[in-house]
């Protein structure tokens, strides 16, 4: 019973991680500035929960870079601070 409970918890954690990454992927794919930032925050949240997640790490980096580039290109107020 204990083993079954542990396996179920692990499966839920994996499912939740995959759901979070899928949500972040959809936000990134939306492509607008707000969605890209939201995706970066979700990827970072997943990386914080699982520091060994290579996927969450590189996708967070990609999203933050894209957010900075898009902010600069659109000359968003405060873009210089965003790009630091």
PDB file of N, CA and C in Angstrom:
ATOM      1  N   UNK A   1       0.816  -1.192   0.000  1.00  0.00           N
ATOM      2  CA  UNK A   1       0.000   0.000   0.000  1.00  0.00           C
ATOM      3  C   UNK A   1       0.865   1.264   0.000  1.00  0.00           C
ATOM      4  N   UNK A   2       1.905   1.257   0.823  1.00  0.00           N
ATOM      5  CA  UNK A   2       2.808   2.399   0.872  1.00  0.00           C
ATOM      6  C   UNK A   2       3.513   2.590  -0.465  1.00  0.00           C
ATOM      7  N   UNK A   3       3.956   1.493  -1.045  1.00  0.00           N
ATOM      8  CA  UNK A   3       4.630   1.567  -2.343  1.00  0.00           C
ATOM      9  C   UNK A   3       3.691   2.112  -3.411  1.00  0.00           C
ATOM     10  N   UNK A   4       2.459   1.652  -3.396  1.00  0.00           N
ATOM     11  CA  UNK A   4       1.468   2.134  -4.361  1.00  0.00           C
ATOM     12  C   UNK A   4       1.229   3.626  -4.183  1.00  0.00           C
ATOM     13  N   UNK A   5       1.168   4.078  -2.945  1.00  0.00           N
ATOM     14  CA  UNK A   5       0.974   5.503  -2.662  1.00  0.00           C
ATOM     15  C   UNK A   5       2.152   6.325  -3.171  1.00  0.00           C
ATOM     16  N   UNK A   6       3.362   5.823  -2.954  1.00  0.00           N
ATOM     17  CA  UNK A   6       4.553   6.535  -3.419  1.00  0.00           C
ATOM     18  C   UNK A   6       4.597   6.609  -4.941  1.00  0.00           C
ATOM     19  N   UNK A   7       4.262   5.515  -5.591  1.00  0.00           N
ATOM     20  CA  UNK A   7       4.239   5.487  -7.054  1.00  0.00           C
ATOM     21  C   UNK A   7       3.192   6.458  -7.573  1.00  0.00           C
ATOM     22  N   UNK A   8       2.024   6.477  -6.956  1.00  0.00           N
ATOM     23  CA  UNK A   8       0.955   7.390  -7.370  1.00  0.00           C
ATOM     24  C   UNK A   8       1.391   8.842  -7.199  1.00  0.00           C
ATOM     25  N   UNK A   9       2.020   9.163  -6.081  1.00  0.00           N
ATOM     26  CA  UNK A   9       2.511  10.529  -5.855  1.00  0.00           C
ATOM     27  C   UNK A   9       3.546  10.923  -6.904  1.00  0.00           C
ATOM     28  N   UNK A  10       4.451   9.998  -7.223  1.00  0.00           N
ATOM     29  CA  UNK A  10       5.468  10.271  -8.238  1.00  0.00           C
ATOM     30  C   UNK A  10       4.817  10.513  -9.596  1.00  0.00           C
ATOM     31  N   UNK A  11       3.823   9.699  -9.933  1.00  0.00           N
ATOM     32  CA  UNK A  11       3.130   9.861 -11.213  1.00  0.00           C
ATOM     33  C   UNK A  11       2.417  11.203 -11.273  1.00  0.00           C
ATOM     34  N   UNK A  12       1.783  11.621 -10.171  1.00  0.00           N
ATOM     35  CA  UNK A  12       1.107  12.915 -10.136  1.00  0.00           C
ATOM     36  C   UNK A  12       2.104  14.055 -10.287  1.00  0.00           C
ATOM     37  N   UNK A  13       3.241  13.948  -9.627  1.00  0.00           N
ATOM     38  CA  UNK A  13       4.262  14.988  -9.740  1.00  0.00           C
ATOM     39  C   UNK A  13       4.770  15.083 -11.170  1.00  0.00           C
ATOM     40  N   UNK A  14       4.985  13.944 -11.804  1.00  0.00           N
ATOM     41  CA  UNK A  14       5.438  13.927 -13.193  1.00  0.00           C
ATOM     42  C   UNK A  14       4.382  14.512 -14.109  1.00  0.00           C
ATOM     43  N   UNK A  15       3.126  14.135 -13.881  1.00  0.00           N
ATOM     44  CA  UNK A  15       2.028  14.656 -14.688  1.00  0.00           C
ATOM     45  C   UNK A  15       1.905  16.161 -14.512  1.00  0.00           C
ATOM     46  N   UNK A  16       1.976  16.626 -13.267  1.00  0.00           N
ATOM     47  CA  UNK A  16       1.890  18.059 -13.021  1.00  0.00           C
ATOM     48  C   UNK A  16       3.048  18.806 -13.673  1.00  0.00           C
ATOM     49  N   UNK A  17       4.234  18.228 -13.632  1.00  0.00           N
ATOM     50  CA  UNK A  17       5.388  18.848 -14.279  1.00  0.00           C
ATOM     51  C   UNK A  17       5.160  18.931 -15.783  1.00  0.00           C
ATOM     52  N   UNK A  18       4.668  17.857 -16.371  1.00  0.00           N
ATOM     53  CA  UNK A  18       4.405  17.855 -17.813  1.00  0.00           C
ATOM     54  C   UNK A  18       3.304  18.853 -18.172  1.00  0.00           C
ATOM     55  N   UNK A  19       2.276  18.945 -17.336  1.00  0.00           N
ATOM     56  CA  UNK A  19       1.205  19.912 -17.582  1.00  0.00           C
ATOM     57  C   UNK A  19       1.744  21.337 -17.521  1.00  0.00           C
ATOM     58  N   UNK A  20       2.587  21.599 -16.532  1.00  0.00           N
ATOM     59  CA  UNK A  20       3.173  22.925 -16.382  1.00  0.00           C
ATOM     60  C   UNK A  20       4.034  23.269 -17.594  1.00  0.00           C
ATOM     61  N   UNK A  21       4.853  22.326 -18.032  1.00  0.00           N
ATOM     62  CA  UNK A  21       5.686  22.561 -19.209  1.00  0.00           C
ATOM     63  C   UNK A  21       4.831  22.751 -20.456  1.00  0.00           C
ATOM     64  N   UNK A  22       3.750  22.005 -20.571  1.00  0.00           N
ATOM     65  CA  UNK A  22       2.850  22.150 -21.723  1.00  0.00           C
ATOM     66  C   UNK A  22       2.183  23.519 -21.731  1.00  0.00           C
ATOM     67  N   UNK A  23       1.763  23.980 -20.558  1.00  0.00           N
ATOM     68  CA  UNK A  23       1.168  25.319 -20.463  1.00  0.00           C
ATOM     69  C   UNK A  23       2.193  26.380 -20.852  1.00  0.00           C
ATOM     70  N   UNK A  24       3.398  26.221 -20.350  1.00  0.00           N
ATOM     71  CA  UNK A  24       4.457  27.178 -20.665  1.00  0.00           C
ATOM     72  C   UNK A  24       4.776  27.157 -22.158  1.00  0.00           C
ATOM     73  N   UNK A  25       4.802  25.970 -22.758  1.00  0.00           N
ATOM     74  CA  UNK A  25       5.043  25.857 -24.201  1.00  0.00           C
ATOM     75  C   UNK A  25       3.973  26.607 -24.992  1.00  0.00           C
ATOM     76  N   UNK A  26       2.707  26.444 -24.587  1.00  0.00           N
ATOM     77  CA  UNK A  26       1.600  27.112 -25.286  1.00  0.00           C
ATOM     78  C   UNK A  26       1.718  28.627 -25.157  1.00  0.00           C
ATOM     79  N   UNK A  27       2.088  29.098 -23.988  1.00  0.00           N
ATOM     80  CA  UNK A  27       2.267  30.539 -23.799  1.00  0.00           C
ATOM     81  C   UNK A  27       3.411  31.056 -24.664  1.00  0.00           C
ATOM     82  N   UNK A  28       4.518  30.334 -24.682  1.00  0.00           N
ATOM     83  CA  UNK A  28       5.657  30.755 -25.501  1.00  0.00           C
ATOM     84  C   UNK A  28       5.262  30.807 -26.973  1.00  0.00           C
ATOM     85  N   UNK A  29       4.533  29.791 -27.415  1.00  0.00           N
ATOM     86  CA  UNK A  29       4.115  29.721 -28.816  1.00  0.00           C
ATOM     87  C   UNK A  29       3.148  30.839 -29.188  1.00  0.00           C
ATOM     88  N   UNK A  30       2.419  31.375 -28.202  1.00  0.00           N
ATOM     89  CA  UNK A  30       1.505  32.489 -28.483  1.00  0.00           C
ATOM     90  C   UNK A  30       2.295  33.683 -29.017  1.00  0.00           C
ATOM     91  N   UNK A  31       3.504  33.868 -28.499  1.00  0.00           N
ATOM     92  CA  UNK A  31       4.434  34.818 -29.080  1.00  0.00           C
ATOM     93  C   UNK A  31       4.324  36.265 -28.651  1.00  0.00           C
ATOM     94  N   UNK A  32       3.245  36.645 -27.972  1.00  0.00           N
ATOM     95  CA  UNK A  32       3.164  38.049 -27.557  1.00  0.00           C
ATOM     96  C   UNK A  32       4.016  38.253 -26.303  1.00  0.00           C
ATOM     97  N   UNK A  33       4.349  39.486 -26.048  1.00  0.00           N
ATOM     98  CA  UNK A  33       5.282  39.831 -24.981  1.00  0.00           C
ATOM     99  C   UNK A  33       4.837  39.289 -23.621  1.00  0.00           C
ATOM    100  N   UNK A  34       3.582  39.499 -23.278  1.00  0.00           N
ATOM    101  CA  UNK A  34       3.063  39.054 -21.980  1.00  0.00           C
ATOM    102  C   UNK A  34       3.122  37.529 -21.861  1.00  0.00           C
ATOM    103  N   UNK A  35       2.738  36.835 -22.910  1.00  0.00           N
ATOM    104  CA  UNK A  35       2.739  35.368 -22.886  1.00  0.00           C
ATOM    105  C   UNK A  35       4.148  34.806 -22.778  1.00  0.00           C
ATOM    106  N   UNK A  36       5.082  35.419 -23.470  1.00  0.00           N
ATOM    107  CA  UNK A  36       6.474  34.952 -23.407  1.00  0.00           C
ATOM    108  C   UNK A  36       7.021  35.112 -21.986  1.00  0.00           C
ATOM    109  N   UNK A  37       6.716  36.237 -21.348  1.00  0.00           N
ATOM    110  CA  UNK A  37       7.156  36.430 -19.964  1.00  0.00           C
ATOM    111  C   UNK A  37       6.491  35.413 -19.041  1.00  0.00           C
ATOM    112  N   UNK A  38       5.204  35.178 -19.225  1.00  0.00           N
ATOM    113  CA  UNK A  38       4.507  34.184 -18.402  1.00  0.00           C
ATOM    114  C   UNK A  38       5.115  32.795 -18.593  1.00  0.00           C
ATOM    115  N   UNK A  39       5.481  32.473 -19.827  1.00  0.00           N
ATOM    116  CA  UNK A  39       6.099  31.164 -20.075  1.00  0.00           C
ATOM    117  C   UNK A  39       7.425  31.064 -19.337  1.00  0.00           C
ATOM    118  N   UNK A  40       8.212  32.130 -19.364  1.00  0.00           N
ATOM    119  CA  UNK A  40       9.500  32.127 -18.670  1.00  0.00           C
ATOM    120  C   UNK A  40       9.310  31.881 -17.179  1.00  0.00           C
ATOM    121  N   UNK A  41       8.296  32.517 -16.617  1.00  0.00           N
ATOM    122  CA  UNK A  41       8.040  32.360 -15.186  1.00  0.00           C
ATOM    123  C   UNK A  41       7.599  30.930 -14.850  1.00  0.00           C
ATOM    124  N   UNK A  42       6.789  30.323 -15.719  1.00  0.00           N
ATOM    125  CA  UNK A  42       6.373  28.934 -15.488  1.00  0.00           C
ATOM    126  C   UNK A  42       7.551  27.969 -15.614  1.00  0.00           C
ATOM    127  N   UNK A  43       8.382  28.177 -16.639  1.00  0.00           N
ATOM    128  CA  UNK A  43       9.567  27.324 -16.784  1.00  0.00           C
ATOM    129  C   UNK A  43      10.477  27.464 -15.562  1.00  0.00           C
ATOM    130  N   UNK A  44      10.662  28.696 -15.096  1.00  0.00           N
ATOM    131  CA  UNK A  44      11.509  28.928 -13.927  1.00  0.00           C
ATOM    132  C   UNK A  44      10.910  28.266 -12.685  1.00  0.00           C
ATOM    133  N   UNK A  45       9.590  28.320 -12.566  1.00  0.00           N
ATOM    134  CA  UNK A  45       8.905  27.660 -11.450  1.00  0.00           C
ATOM    135  C   UNK A  45       9.159  26.155 -11.484  1.00  0.00           C
ATOM    136  N   UNK A  46       9.074  25.579 -12.670  1.00  0.00           N
ATOM    137  CA  UNK A  46       9.319  24.140 -12.799  1.00  0.00           C
ATOM    138  C   UNK A  46      10.781  23.808 -12.505  1.00  0.00           C
ATOM    139  N   UNK A  47      11.690  24.659 -12.947  1.00  0.00           N
ATOM    140  CA  UNK A  47      13.109  24.423 -12.680  1.00  0.00           C
ATOM    141  C   UNK A  47      13.409  24.512 -11.188  1.00  0.00           C
ATOM    142  N   UNK A  48      12.743  25.452 -10.518  1.00  0.00           N
ATOM    143  CA  UNK A  48      12.929  25.574  -9.067  1.00  0.00           C
ATOM    144  C   UNK A  48      12.438  24.306  -8.363  1.00  0.00           C
ATOM    145  N   UNK A  49      11.328  23.749  -8.847  1.00  0.00           N
ATOM    146  CA  UNK A  49      10.785  22.521  -8.258  1.00  0.00           C
ATOM    147  C   UNK A  49      11.650  21.304  -8.587  1.00  0.00           C
ATOM    148  N   UNK A  50      12.288  21.341  -9.757  1.00  0.00           N
ATOM    149  CA  UNK A  50      13.121  20.211 -10.193  1.00  0.00           C
ATOM    150  C   UNK A  50      14.400  20.750 -10.828  1.00  0.00           C
ATOM    151  N   UNK A  51      15.404  21.067 -10.001  1.00  0.00           N
ATOM    152  CA  UNK A  51      16.646  21.661 -10.506  1.00  0.00           C
ATOM    153  C   UNK A  51      17.414  20.794 -11.505  1.00  0.00           C
ATOM    154  N   UNK A  52      17.029  19.537 -11.646  1.00  0.00           N
ATOM    155  CA  UNK A  52      17.696  18.662 -12.611  1.00  0.00           C
ATOM    156  C   UNK A  52      16.986  18.666 -13.959  1.00  0.00           C
ATOM    157  N   UNK A  53      15.941  19.469 -14.084  1.00  0.00           N
ATOM    158  CA  UNK A  53      15.176  19.507 -15.330  1.00  0.00           C
ATOM    159  C   UNK A  53      15.892  20.373 -16.364  1.00  0.00           C
ATOM    160  N   UNK A  54      16.607  19.708 -17.248  1.00  0.00           N
ATOM    161  CA  UNK A  54      17.304  20.402 -18.327  1.00  0.00           C
ATOM    162  C   UNK A  54      16.307  21.155 -19.203  1.00  0.00           C
ATOM    163  N   UNK A  55      15.167  20.511 -19.487  1.00  0.00           N
ATOM    164  CA  UNK A  55      14.154  21.125 -20.352  1.00  0.00           C
ATOM    165  C   UNK A  55      13.640  22.433 -19.757  1.00  0.00           C
ATOM    166  N   UNK A  56      13.308  22.423 -18.483  1.00  0.00           N
ATOM    167  CA  UNK A  56      12.805  23.638 -17.841  1.00  0.00           C
ATOM    168  C   UNK A  56      13.878  24.727 -17.840  1.00  0.00           C
ATOM    169  N   UNK A  57      15.123  24.348 -17.615  1.00  0.00           N
ATOM    170  CA  UNK A  57      16.216  25.321 -17.563  1.00  0.00           C
ATOM    171  C   UNK A  57      16.433  26.002 -18.907  1.00  0.00           C
ATOM    172  N   UNK A  58      16.551  25.221 -19.980  1.00  0.00           N
ATOM    173  CA  UNK A  58      16.855  25.860 -21.258  1.00  0.00           C
ATOM    174  C   UNK A  58      15.657  26.627 -21.793  1.00  0.00           C
ATOM    175  N   UNK A  59      14.454  26.131 -21.518  1.00  0.00           N
ATOM    176  CA  UNK A  59      13.276  26.846 -22.004  1.00  0.00           C
ATOM    177  C   UNK A  59      13.049  28.140 -21.226  1.00  0.00           C
ATOM    178  N   UNK A  60      13.369  28.154 -19.933  1.00  0.00           N
ATOM    179  CA  UNK A  60      13.285  29.397 -19.161  1.00  0.00           C
ATOM    180  C   UNK A  60      14.272  30.414 -19.729  1.00  0.00           C
ATOM    181  N   UNK A  61      15.488  29.967 -19.987  1.00  0.00           N
ATOM    182  CA  UNK A  61      16.510  30.859 -20.556  1.00  0.00           C
ATOM    183  C   UNK A  61      16.076  31.403 -21.908  1.00  0.00           C
ATOM    184  N   UNK A  62      15.550  30.526 -22.747  1.00  0.00           N
ATOM    185  CA  UNK A  62      15.087  30.940 -24.076  1.00  0.00           C
ATOM    186  C   UNK A  62      13.972  31.973 -23.958  1.00  0.00           C
ATOM    187  N   UNK A  63      13.036  31.740 -23.060  1.00  0.00           N
ATOM    188  CA  UNK A  63      11.897  32.647 -22.909  1.00  0.00           C
ATOM    189  C   UNK A  63      12.332  34.008 -22.379  1.00  0.00           C
ATOM    190  N   UNK A  64      13.208  34.010 -21.369  1.00  0.00           N
ATOM    191  CA  UNK A  64      13.692  35.288 -20.845  1.00  0.00           C
ATOM    192  C   UNK A  64      14.474  36.052 -21.910  1.00  0.00           C
ATOM    193  N   UNK A  65      15.274  35.342 -22.706  1.00  0.00           N
ATOM    194  CA  UNK A  65      16.018  36.000 -23.785  1.00  0.00           C
ATOM    195  C   UNK A  65      15.055  36.599 -24.807  1.00  0.00           C
ATOM    196  N   UNK A  66      14.035  35.820 -25.184  1.00  0.00           N
ATOM    197  CA  UNK A  66      13.052  36.295 -26.157  1.00  0.00           C
ATOM    198  C   UNK A  66      12.303  37.508 -25.621  1.00  0.00           C
ATOM    199  N   UNK A  67      11.951  37.463 -24.348  1.00  0.00           N
ATOM    200  CA  UNK A  67      11.252  38.590 -23.721  1.00  0.00           C
ATOM    201  C   UNK A  67      12.127  39.845 -23.769  1.00  0.00           C
ATOM    202  N   UNK A  68      13.402  39.700 -23.456  1.00  0.00           N
ATOM    203  CA  UNK A  68      14.312  40.844 -23.496  1.00  0.00           C
ATOM    204  C   UNK A  68      14.461  41.372 -24.919  1.00  0.00           C
ATOM    205  N   UNK A  69      14.661  40.489 -25.875  1.00  0.00           N
ATOM    206  CA  UNK A  69      14.809  40.913 -27.272  1.00  0.00           C
ATOM    207  C   UNK A  69      13.555  41.613 -27.782  1.00  0.00           C
ATOM    208  N   UNK A  70      12.388  41.031 -27.494  1.00  0.00           N
ATOM    209  CA  UNK A  70      11.127  41.622 -27.953  1.00  0.00           C
ATOM    210  C   UNK A  70      10.858  42.959 -27.275  1.00  0.00           C
ATOM    211  N   UNK A  71      11.221  43.075 -26.003  1.00  0.00           N
ATOM    212  CA  UNK A  71      11.039  44.335 -25.274  1.00  0.00           C
ATOM    213  C   UNK A  71      11.899  45.434 -25.885  1.00  0.00           C
ATOM    214  N   UNK A  72      13.125  45.087 -26.226  1.00  0.00           N
ATOM    215  CA  UNK A  72      14.028  46.059 -26.848  1.00  0.00           C
ATOM    216  C   UNK A  72      13.503  46.468 -28.215  1.00  0.00           C
ATOM    217  N   UNK A  73      13.110  45.484 -29.012  1.00  0.00           N
ATOM    218  CA  UNK A  73      12.625  45.763 -30.361  1.00  0.00           C
ATOM    219  C   UNK A  73      11.375  46.644 -30.348  1.00  0.00           C
ATOM    220  N   UNK A  74      10.493  46.405 -29.383  1.00  0.00           N
ATOM    221  CA  UNK A  74       9.253  47.182 -29.284  1.00  0.00           C
ATOM    222  C   UNK A  74       9.459  48.479 -28.499  1.00  0.00           C
ATOM    223  N   UNK A  75      10.677  48.693 -28.020  1.00  0.00           N
ATOM    224  CA  UNK A  75      11.014  49.854 -27.208  1.00  0.00           C
ATOM    225  C   UNK A  75      10.038  50.022 -26.049  1.00  0.00           C
ATOM    226  N   UNK A  76       9.797  48.900 -25.364  1.00  0.00           N
ATOM    227  CA  UNK A  76       8.937  48.901 -24.184  1.00  0.00           C
ATOM    228  C   UNK A  76       9.589  49.777 -23.123  1.00  0.00           C
ATOM    229  N   UNK A  77       8.762  50.541 -22.409  1.00  0.00           N
ATOM    230  CA  UNK A  77       9.301  51.382 -21.352  1.00  0.00           C
ATOM    231  C   UNK A  77      10.090  50.511 -20.375  1.00  0.00           C
ATOM    232  N   UNK A  78      11.308  50.917 -20.093  1.00  0.00           N
ATOM    233  CA  UNK A  78      12.166  50.169 -19.185  1.00  0.00           C
ATOM    234  C   UNK A  78      12.895  49.006 -19.835  1.00  0.00           C
ATOM    235  N   UNK A  79      12.924  48.971 -21.168  1.00  0.00           N
ATOM    236  CA  UNK A  79      13.541  47.827 -21.842  1.00  0.00           C
ATOM    237  C   UNK A  79      15.019  47.673 -21.489  1.00  0.00           C
ATOM    238  N   UNK A  80      15.694  48.790 -21.229  1.00  0.00           N
ATOM    239  CA  UNK A  80      17.117  48.685 -20.876  1.00  0.00           C
ATOM    240  C   UNK A  80      17.305  47.924 -19.568  1.00  0.00           C
ATOM    241  N   UNK A  81      16.405  48.150 -18.616  1.00  0.00           N
ATOM    242  CA  UNK A  81      16.473  47.408 -17.353  1.00  0.00           C
ATOM    243  C   UNK A  81      16.107  45.946 -17.566  1.00  0.00           C
ATOM    244  N   UNK A  82      15.149  45.696 -18.445  1.00  0.00           N
ATOM    245  CA  UNK A  82      14.741  44.324 -18.753  1.00  0.00           C
ATOM    246  C   UNK A  82      15.914  43.556 -19.352  1.00  0.00           C
ATOM    247  N   UNK A  83      16.700  44.233 -20.168  1.00  0.00           N
ATOM    248  CA  UNK A  83      17.791  43.568 -20.888  1.00  0.00           C
ATOM    249  C   UNK A  83      19.063  43.403 -20.060  1.00  0.00           C
ATOM    250  N   UNK A  84      19.087  43.901 -18.847  1.00  0.00           N
ATOM    251  CA  UNK A  84      20.295  43.758 -18.010  1.00  0.00           C
ATOM    252  C   UNK A  84      20.491  42.339 -17.590  1.00  0.00           C
TER     253      UNK A  84
END
